[in-house]
Protein backbone atom coordinates (compact mmCIF):
# COMPACT_ATOMS: atom_id res chain seq x y z
CA UNK A 1 48.57 40.06 -17.11
CA UNK A 2 51.22 37.43 -16.62
CA UNK A 3 50.68 34.04 -18.20
CA UNK A 4 51.72 32.40 -14.93
CA UNK A 5 48.91 30.20 -13.71
CA UNK A 6 47.80 29.84 -10.10
CA UNK A 7 48.12 26.43 -8.49
CA UNK A 8 45.31 26.85 -5.94
CA UNK A 9 41.95 28.52 -5.46
CA UNK A 10 39.49 29.04 -2.65
CA UNK A 11 36.40 27.14 -3.74
CA UNK A 12 33.38 25.63 -1.99
CA UNK A 13 34.64 26.69 1.43
CA UNK A 14 38.24 25.49 1.20
CA UNK A 15 41.51 25.93 -0.66
CA UNK A 16 41.88 23.31 -3.37
CA UNK A 17 44.13 22.69 -6.40
CA UNK A 18 43.06 25.02 -9.19
CA UNK A 19 41.95 22.07 -11.34
CA UNK A 20 39.32 21.17 -8.76
CA UNK A 21 37.76 24.64 -8.71
CA UNK A 22 35.14 23.99 -11.37
CA UNK A 23 31.52 24.85 -12.04
CA UNK A 24 29.02 23.14 -14.33
CA UNK A 25 28.07 24.54 -17.73
CA UNK A 26 24.56 24.65 -16.28
CA UNK A 27 25.57 27.11 -13.55
CA UNK A 28 23.32 30.14 -13.67
CA UNK A 29 26.18 32.65 -13.46
CA UNK A 30 27.83 31.07 -16.51
CA UNK A 31 24.58 31.31 -18.47
CA UNK A 32 23.39 34.76 -17.41
CA UNK A 33 26.33 36.67 -15.93
CA UNK A 34 24.71 36.69 -12.49
CA UNK A 35 27.88 37.11 -10.53
CA UNK A 36 30.15 39.80 -9.15
CA UNK A 37 33.89 40.07 -8.78
CA UNK A 38 36.64 42.21 -7.34
CA UNK A 39 40.00 43.17 -8.75
CA UNK A 40 42.69 43.49 -6.10
CA UNK A 41 46.45 43.67 -5.94
CA UNK A 42 49.26 42.68 -3.66
CA UNK A 43 52.62 44.38 -4.14
CA UNK A 44 56.03 42.86 -3.48
CA UNK A 45 58.55 44.85 -1.43
CA UNK A 46 61.92 43.26 -2.10
CA UNK A 47 63.74 45.20 0.65
CA UNK A 48 61.38 43.84 3.30
CA UNK A 49 60.81 40.50 1.55
CA UNK A 50 57.12 41.14 2.05
CA UNK A 51 53.95 40.97 -0.03
CA UNK A 52 51.45 43.71 0.82
CA UNK A 53 47.74 43.44 -0.04
CA UNK A 54 46.45 46.90 -0.94
CA UNK A 55 43.29 48.07 0.87
CA UNK A 56 41.97 44.57 1.44
CA UNK A 57 39.14 45.58 3.78
CA UNK A 58 37.90 48.26 1.37
CA UNK A 59 37.97 45.91 -1.60
CA UNK A 60 36.16 43.15 0.24
CA UNK A 61 33.55 45.57 1.57
CA UNK A 62 32.83 46.74 -1.97
CA UNK A 63 32.81 43.10 -3.09
CA UNK A 64 30.07 42.36 -0.55
CA UNK A 65 28.16 45.48 -1.60
CA UNK A 66 28.34 44.47 -5.26
CA UNK A 67 27.00 41.04 -4.31
CA UNK A 68 24.10 42.55 -2.39
CA UNK A 69 23.02 44.49 -5.48
CA UNK A 70 22.07 41.24 -7.21
CA UNK A 71 20.96 39.39 -4.08
CA UNK A 72 24.07 37.25 -3.60
CA UNK A 73 24.88 36.34 -0.03
CA UNK A 74 28.61 36.34 0.79
CA UNK A 75 28.83 34.44 4.09
CA UNK A 76 32.20 35.93 5.02
CA UNK A 77 33.07 39.29 6.55
CA UNK A 78 35.81 41.46 5.00
CA UNK A 79 38.10 40.30 7.80
CA UNK A 80 37.35 36.63 7.10
CA UNK A 81 37.87 37.13 3.37
CA UNK A 82 41.22 38.79 4.10
CA UNK A 83 42.27 35.81 6.22
CA UNK A 84 41.29 33.45 3.39
CA UNK A 85 43.30 35.52 0.94
CA UNK A 86 46.37 35.57 3.19
CA UNK A 87 46.22 31.79 3.51
CA UNK A 88 45.86 31.41 -0.27
CA UNK A 89 48.80 33.72 -0.99
CA UNK A 90 51.00 31.94 1.55
CA UNK A 91 50.25 28.60 -0.08
CA UNK A 92 51.06 30.02 -3.51
CA UNK A 93 54.19 31.63 -2.01
CA UNK A 94 54.26 34.47 -4.52
CA UNK A 95 57.23 36.84 -4.38
CA UNK A 96 56.06 39.26 -7.03
CA UNK A 97 53.29 41.77 -7.63
CA UNK A 98 50.09 39.75 -7.70
CA UNK A 99 46.60 40.20 -9.11
CA UNK A 100 43.74 38.82 -6.99
CA UNK A 101 40.26 37.85 -8.19
CA UNK A 102 37.43 37.07 -5.73
CA UNK A 103 34.09 36.09 -7.28
CA UNK A 104 30.61 35.50 -5.92
CA UNK A 105 27.98 33.99 -8.15
CA UNK A 106 24.58 32.39 -8.51
CA UNK A 107 25.38 28.68 -8.35
CA UNK A 108 22.04 27.04 -9.12
CA UNK A 109 21.88 24.78 -12.18
CA UNK A 110 18.59 25.90 -13.67
CA UNK A 111 17.68 27.80 -16.80
CA UNK A 112 15.46 30.27 -14.96
CA UNK A 113 16.55 33.88 -14.66
CA UNK A 114 15.35 34.43 -11.11
CA UNK A 115 17.89 35.31 -8.43
CA UNK A 116 17.45 32.37 -6.07
CA UNK A 117 19.42 31.73 -2.87
CA UNK A 118 22.00 29.26 -4.19
CA UNK A 119 25.25 31.24 -4.02
CA UNK A 120 28.95 30.44 -4.38
CA UNK A 121 32.18 32.24 -3.49
CA UNK A 122 35.61 31.59 -4.96
CA UNK A 123 38.98 33.33 -5.15
CA UNK A 124 42.28 32.93 -6.98
CA UNK A 125 45.46 34.95 -7.43
CA UNK A 126 48.21 35.07 -10.02
CA UNK A 127 51.44 37.03 -10.42
CA UNK A 128 51.32 39.79 -12.98
CA UNK A 129 52.27 43.43 -13.41
CA UNK A 130 49.26 44.83 -15.22
CA UNK A 131 46.62 44.61 -17.94
CA UNK A 132 48.23 47.13 -20.26
CA UNK A 133 51.63 47.39 -21.80
CA UNK A 134 54.11 49.63 -20.01
CA UNK A 135 53.85 52.86 -21.96
CA UNK A 136 54.29 56.49 -21.03
CA UNK A 137 50.99 57.47 -22.57
CA UNK A 138 47.90 55.70 -23.88
CA UNK A 139 46.12 56.47 -27.13
CA UNK A 140 42.38 56.51 -26.51
CA UNK A 141 39.24 57.44 -28.39
CA UNK A 142 35.61 57.95 -27.47
CA UNK A 143 33.60 54.78 -27.80
CA UNK A 144 30.41 54.48 -29.84
CA UNK A 145 29.07 52.30 -27.03
CA UNK A 146 27.47 53.94 -24.00
CA UNK A 147 28.13 53.10 -20.38
CA UNK A 148 25.57 50.82 -18.72
CA UNK A 149 22.95 52.79 -16.78
CA UNK A 150 22.46 52.30 -13.06
CA UNK A 151 18.73 51.73 -13.55
CA UNK A 152 19.46 48.89 -15.99
CA UNK A 153 22.47 47.13 -14.43
CA UNK A 154 23.99 48.64 -11.27
CA UNK A 155 26.98 50.57 -12.60
CA UNK A 156 28.56 51.13 -9.20
CA UNK A 157 29.02 47.40 -8.63
CA UNK A 158 31.31 44.98 -10.43
CA UNK A 159 28.55 42.87 -11.97
CA UNK A 160 30.01 40.12 -14.16
CA UNK A 161 27.38 40.35 -16.89
CA UNK A 162 27.84 44.11 -17.22
CA UNK A 163 31.39 43.56 -18.41
CA UNK A 164 30.06 42.51 -21.81
CA UNK A 165 29.72 46.29 -22.18
CA UNK A 166 33.38 46.75 -21.24
CA UNK A 167 34.47 43.99 -23.63
CA UNK A 168 32.66 45.64 -26.55
CA UNK A 169 34.22 48.99 -25.69
CA UNK A 170 37.77 47.69 -25.30
CA UNK A 171 37.67 45.37 -28.34
CA UNK A 172 36.37 48.04 -30.69
CA UNK A 173 39.00 50.46 -29.36
CA UNK A 174 41.75 47.93 -30.01
CA UNK A 175 40.50 47.22 -33.53
CA UNK A 176 40.52 50.97 -34.21
CA UNK A 177 44.15 51.22 -33.13
CA UNK A 178 43.58 52.62 -29.64
CA UNK A 179 44.81 51.31 -26.31
CA UNK A 180 41.45 52.01 -24.66
CA UNK A 181 38.37 54.19 -24.95
CA UNK A 182 36.46 56.73 -22.90
CA UNK A 183 32.75 56.05 -22.59
CA UNK A 184 29.85 58.46 -22.36
CA UNK A 185 26.74 57.93 -20.27
CA UNK A 186 23.31 58.15 -21.89
CA UNK A 187 23.16 61.88 -21.03
CA UNK A 188 26.35 62.47 -23.03
CA UNK A 189 28.82 63.07 -20.21
CA UNK A 190 32.08 61.22 -19.60
CA UNK A 191 31.56 58.19 -17.35
CA UNK A 192 34.83 56.22 -17.37
CA UNK A 193 37.07 54.13 -19.61
CA UNK A 194 36.40 50.49 -20.50
CA UNK A 195 37.47 49.19 -17.07
CA UNK A 196 38.88 52.18 -15.23
CA UNK A 197 38.03 55.57 -13.79
CA UNK A 198 39.21 58.78 -15.45
CA UNK A 199 40.63 62.11 -14.31
CA UNK A 200 41.35 65.18 -16.38
CA UNK A 201 43.48 68.16 -15.32
CA UNK A 202 42.48 71.67 -16.34
CA UNK A 203 44.25 74.78 -15.02
CA UNK A 204 45.91 72.68 -12.35
CA UNK A 205 42.63 71.24 -11.02
CA UNK A 206 42.02 67.48 -11.14
CA UNK A 207 38.46 66.72 -12.26
CA UNK A 208 36.73 63.34 -12.18
CA UNK A 209 33.12 62.26 -12.82
CA UNK A 210 30.93 61.89 -9.75
CA UNK A 211 29.96 58.47 -8.41
CA UNK A 212 26.43 59.22 -9.65
CA UNK A 213 27.67 59.42 -13.26
CA UNK A 214 27.28 55.66 -13.87
CA UNK A 215 30.83 55.09 -12.69
CA UNK A 216 32.27 52.31 -10.61
CA UNK A 217 33.01 53.50 -7.08
CA UNK A 218 36.69 52.84 -7.61
CA UNK A 219 38.99 52.26 -4.65
CA UNK A 220 42.02 53.40 -6.63
CA UNK A 221 40.00 56.49 -7.58
CA UNK A 222 39.26 57.16 -3.91
CA UNK A 223 42.92 56.62 -3.04
CA UNK A 224 44.13 59.08 -5.67
CA UNK A 225 41.66 61.76 -4.58
CA UNK A 226 43.09 61.55 -1.07
CA UNK A 227 46.70 61.59 -2.27
CA UNK A 228 46.08 64.51 -4.61
CA UNK A 229 44.44 66.60 -1.90
CA UNK A 230 46.50 65.67 1.14
CA UNK A 231 49.95 64.98 -0.26
CA UNK A 232 50.25 66.92 -3.52
CA UNK A 233 48.06 69.88 -2.59
CA UNK A 234 46.04 69.57 -5.80
CA UNK A 235 42.41 70.64 -5.84
CA UNK A 236 40.04 67.81 -6.82
CA UNK A 237 36.55 68.45 -8.17
CA UNK A 238 33.96 65.72 -8.72
CA UNK A 239 31.50 66.81 -11.41
CA UNK A 240 30.13 66.05 -14.85
CA UNK A 241 32.70 66.24 -17.66
CA UNK A 242 31.86 67.16 -21.25
CA UNK A 243 33.52 65.32 -24.11
CA UNK A 244 35.24 68.42 -25.49
CA UNK A 245 36.77 69.23 -22.12
CA UNK A 246 38.95 66.18 -22.62
CA UNK A 247 40.27 67.71 -25.87
CA UNK A 248 41.32 70.83 -23.93
CA UNK A 249 42.75 69.07 -20.87
CA UNK A 250 46.38 69.60 -19.90
CA UNK A 251 46.55 66.05 -18.53
CA UNK A 252 44.35 62.94 -18.54
CA UNK A 253 44.97 59.75 -16.63
CA UNK A 254 43.11 56.50 -16.09
CA UNK A 255 43.15 54.61 -12.82
CA UNK A 256 42.03 51.32 -11.33
CA UNK A 257 43.38 48.04 -10.06
CA UNK A 258 44.34 47.02 -13.59
CA UNK A 259 45.52 50.39 -14.91
CA UNK A 260 46.94 51.59 -11.58
CA UNK A 261 47.82 55.15 -12.74
CA UNK A 262 48.21 55.44 -16.51
CA UNK A 263 48.61 58.73 -18.42
CA UNK A 264 46.77 59.41 -21.68
CA UNK A 265 48.90 60.96 -24.44
CA UNK A 266 46.30 61.17 -27.22
CA UNK A 267 42.52 61.26 -27.39
CA UNK A 268 40.67 61.02 -30.70
CA UNK A 269 44.00 61.70 -32.46
CA UNK A 270 44.44 64.93 -30.48
CA UNK A 271 47.54 65.37 -28.34
CA UNK A 272 46.87 65.75 -24.63
CA UNK A 273 48.98 68.61 -23.26
CA UNK A 274 52.52 68.19 -24.55
CA UNK A 275 51.99 64.53 -25.38
CA UNK A 276 54.24 63.56 -22.47
CA UNK A 277 53.23 62.51 -18.98
CA UNK A 278 52.05 65.61 -17.14
CA UNK A 279 53.55 66.97 -13.93
CA UNK A 280 50.61 66.09 -11.71
CA UNK A 281 50.19 62.62 -13.21
CA UNK A 282 53.91 61.93 -12.86
CA UNK A 283 54.04 63.01 -9.21
CA UNK A 284 50.87 61.11 -8.42
CA UNK A 285 52.04 57.90 -10.04
CA UNK A 286 55.38 58.02 -8.22
CA UNK A 287 53.59 58.57 -4.91
CA UNK A 288 51.04 55.83 -5.58
CA UNK A 289 53.71 53.19 -6.08
CA UNK A 290 55.50 54.32 -2.94
CA UNK A 291 52.23 53.89 -1.03
CA UNK A 292 51.28 50.45 -2.36
CA UNK A 293 54.74 48.98 -1.82
CA UNK A 294 54.95 50.12 1.79
CA UNK A 295 57.45 52.93 1.24
CA UNK A 296 55.15 55.70 2.50
CA UNK A 297 54.87 55.18 6.30
CA UNK A 298 51.79 57.38 6.65
CA UNK A 299 49.75 54.96 4.57
CA UNK A 300 50.97 51.62 5.93
CA UNK A 301 47.52 51.05 7.44
CA UNK A 302 46.22 50.56 3.88
CA UNK A 303 48.47 47.51 3.54
CA UNK A 304 48.07 43.98 4.86
CA UNK A 305 51.31 41.96 5.05
CA UNK A 306 51.06 38.36 3.89
CA UNK A 307 54.17 36.74 5.31
CA UNK A 308 55.35 36.54 8.89
CA UNK A 309 58.75 38.23 9.37
CA UNK A 310 60.71 34.99 9.60
CA UNK A 311 59.31 33.72 6.27
CA UNK A 312 62.07 32.51 4.00
CA UNK A 313 61.25 32.56 0.30
CA UNK A 314 61.91 30.01 -2.37
């Protein structure tokens, strides 16, 4: 992510300077991870001088669903949250690809672990191109850590506390010389990477774990399934994936708001395919960036423009 800092945040029902968006060290979410978040993006189209929020309604609907899993009330509809975000982005006046972070959290200042009814909602945004370095292929390994189980912490929601699992996975991968890691569920099947969904390609078929495989119900994942089927004519199968299938895959790619579409070149020191970005991954990534920047007319309804046409930038 960029080191550029936001100047404003939505906090306590209004947009305030970022320095005023603070919580106490006694806040329950800080102590116990009882919060949820969303990762969203807005993409800058320089030809149109426009910033497009990608699938805002879908992201905010999942955000509300994640909150409901741990009994957090978000008192705003997806439409209202989108309006708040538009206002925030206009105040920031970003003219670059932008990462967006809404959060909802348990706001009580008690040391009890019960999920009471004191909830907070906040949101900020900052310019940045991505979490990972721009490379043509990631080096990944299988993590010794297992993916959180849905019956322990809801895996299909973005629960703040559950990302301690992701941090352990990603940090150990980095220390071992990898860019990221694939993670197995307790039954030994591939779940996802540290913070992203995974696809493999075998015999021209794109395969991804099911949403009942302790995976996040990724919006980028859902987008790519549709693009693969409808635009590229690639068969997509959702099923369990064995570890060794990844060693035999012709292509592997990770996807998510942070990763976007990122090819994997090596897994456990084994070359994936030719070691170069595969044909399907390459075509899909090119198409994805056309879609999110407003250059694919068929998918403009996935985009929410931020600025009115007469807006003049800095």
